[in-house]
Protein backbone atom coordinates (compact mmCIF):
# COMPACT_ATOMS: atom_id res chain seq x y z
CA MET A 1 -11.61 19.08 -19.64
CA ARG A 2 -10.21 16.08 -18.52
CA GLU A 3 -7.65 16.10 -15.14
CA ILE A 4 -3.66 14.95 -16.16
CA LYS A 5 -2.30 13.87 -12.77
CA PHE A 6 -0.13 10.71 -11.83
CA ARG A 7 1.09 9.00 -8.89
CA GLY A 8 4.17 6.93 -8.05
CA LYS A 9 5.61 5.72 -5.23
CA GLY A 10 8.84 7.66 -3.48
CA ILE A 11 12.32 6.08 -3.93
CA LEU A 12 14.14 8.33 -1.67
CA ALA A 13 12.78 11.27 0.18
CA ARG A 14 9.00 10.06 1.68
CA LYS A 15 9.87 6.37 0.27
CA GLY A 16 6.97 4.07 -0.23
CA GLU A 17 5.11 6.98 0.02
CA TRP A 18 2.52 7.86 -2.69
CA ILE A 19 3.02 10.96 -4.26
CA TYR A 20 0.54 12.72 -6.53
CA GLY A 21 0.98 15.33 -8.81
CA PHE A 22 2.57 16.86 -12.26
CA PHE A 23 4.93 13.73 -13.78
CA LYS A 24 8.42 14.37 -15.04
CA ARG A 25 11.61 12.21 -16.52
CA ASN A 26 15.01 14.13 -16.68
CA ARG A 27 17.39 13.50 -19.54
CA LEU A 28 18.79 9.91 -17.24
CA GLY A 29 15.34 8.50 -17.51
CA ASP A 30 14.73 9.13 -13.84
CA CYS A 31 11.07 9.78 -12.76
CA TYR A 32 9.53 12.35 -10.81
CA ILE A 33 6.05 13.15 -9.49
CA GLU A 34 6.14 17.20 -8.63
CA ASP A 35 3.89 17.20 -6.11
CA GLU A 36 0.85 19.66 -4.49
CA TYR A 37 4.19 22.06 -3.34
CA GLY A 38 6.14 22.17 -6.10
CA MET A 39 8.51 19.42 -4.86
CA ALA A 40 9.60 16.53 -7.52
CA ILE A 41 10.04 13.60 -5.32
CA ALA A 42 11.95 10.84 -7.39
CA VAL A 43 9.64 7.73 -7.74
CA ASP A 44 10.11 4.36 -8.63
CA PRO A 45 9.07 4.15 -12.28
CA ASP A 46 7.32 0.85 -12.47
CA THR A 47 4.58 2.37 -10.42
CA VAL A 48 3.93 5.59 -11.88
CA SER A 49 0.40 5.42 -13.37
CA GLN A 50 -1.92 7.63 -14.74
CA PHE A 51 -5.34 8.72 -13.42
CA VAL A 52 -8.03 8.08 -15.29
CA CYS A 53 -11.47 9.26 -13.65
CA HIS A 54 -13.24 10.01 -10.58
CA SER A 55 -15.85 7.62 -9.11
CA GLU A 56 -19.04 8.07 -8.58
CA ASN A 57 -18.22 7.48 -4.67
CA ASP A 58 -15.51 10.37 -5.10
CA GLN A 59 -12.82 8.12 -5.53
CA ASP A 60 -9.64 8.74 -7.77
CA ILE A 61 -9.31 5.57 -10.41
CA TYR A 62 -5.59 4.98 -11.66
CA GLU A 63 -3.92 2.48 -14.08
CA GLY A 64 -3.20 -0.25 -11.86
CA ASP A 65 -6.01 -0.03 -9.66
CA TYR A 66 -8.01 -3.21 -8.67
CA LEU A 67 -11.95 -2.37 -8.81
CA ARG A 68 -15.02 -4.18 -8.01
CA TRP A 69 -18.58 -3.56 -9.34
CA HIS A 70 -20.85 -2.61 -5.89
CA ASP A 71 -22.95 -6.08 -6.19
CA SER A 72 -19.91 -8.34 -7.03
CA ASP A 73 -17.25 -10.69 -5.74
CA GLU A 74 -14.80 -10.21 -8.84
CA VAL A 75 -11.94 -8.30 -8.89
CA TYR A 76 -10.54 -6.85 -12.08
CA GLU A 77 -7.58 -4.78 -12.84
CA LEU A 78 -7.71 -1.45 -14.84
CA MET A 79 -4.96 -1.40 -17.33
CA TRP A 80 -3.30 0.66 -20.54
CA ASP A 81 -2.73 -1.18 -24.19
CA GLU A 82 0.12 0.53 -25.75
CA ASP A 83 -0.42 -1.13 -28.79
CA ASP A 84 -4.03 0.16 -28.87
CA SER A 85 -3.76 3.54 -26.75
CA LEU A 86 -6.52 2.36 -24.67
CA TYR A 87 -7.51 1.31 -21.13
CA TYR A 88 -9.57 -1.87 -20.08
CA ILE A 89 -10.67 -3.98 -17.23
CA THR A 90 -9.08 -7.46 -16.96
CA THR A 91 -9.73 -10.55 -14.78
CA ASP A 92 -7.72 -14.15 -14.81
CA HIS A 93 -10.49 -15.13 -16.84
CA ASP A 94 -11.37 -12.22 -19.34
CA VAL A 95 -10.36 -8.78 -20.90
CA PHE A 96 -13.46 -6.18 -20.99
CA SER A 97 -12.91 -2.61 -23.45
CA LEU A 98 -13.32 0.24 -20.85
CA ALA A 99 -16.55 1.75 -21.14
CA ASP A 100 -18.27 4.64 -19.04
CA ASP A 101 -19.26 1.93 -16.37
CA ILE A 102 -15.83 2.04 -14.45
CA LYS A 103 -17.54 4.92 -12.92
CA HIS A 104 -19.77 2.71 -10.91
CA MET A 105 -17.14 0.79 -9.70
CA THR A 106 -15.35 0.81 -6.18
CA VAL A 107 -10.96 0.66 -5.83
CA VAL A 108 -9.76 -2.35 -4.04
CA GLY A 109 -6.68 -1.95 -3.96
CA ASN A 110 -3.92 -1.99 -6.62
CA ARG A 111 -0.93 -4.34 -7.74
CA TRP A 112 1.66 -2.56 -5.85
CA ASP A 113 -0.18 -2.73 -2.98
CA GLY A 114 -2.43 -5.53 -3.16
CA LYS A 115 -6.17 -5.96 -2.44
CA LYS A 116 -8.05 -4.09 0.42
CA GLU A 117 -9.35 -5.82 3.37
CA GLU A 118 -13.36 -6.20 3.17
CA GLU A 119 -14.56 -3.51 4.96
CA GLU A 120 -17.59 -4.75 7.50
């Protein structure tokens, strides 16, 4: 069974910190992530993204992550297409449908925090 979890950046408690867990929205449209301790933490709705899969090097991959093939300098962004109900990866000049190959990619950042510095 596919694991269902989300992440979002805290806006009050734990401001700016990534919160991981179960997504909730109240009647007013406020967004919360229930963390591993059962605490509902208010999060910025623009940063809420869903878990997609684990990579082969055991990284969690979420919508909005920047990904790279192990042997490439090209960086892709993982995005959700609401109209077609599917995930895809894109670069500045190409769009690709998502295949099982994503598990062979490495997370190198995300659209909210930017790209990670190269590891030495």
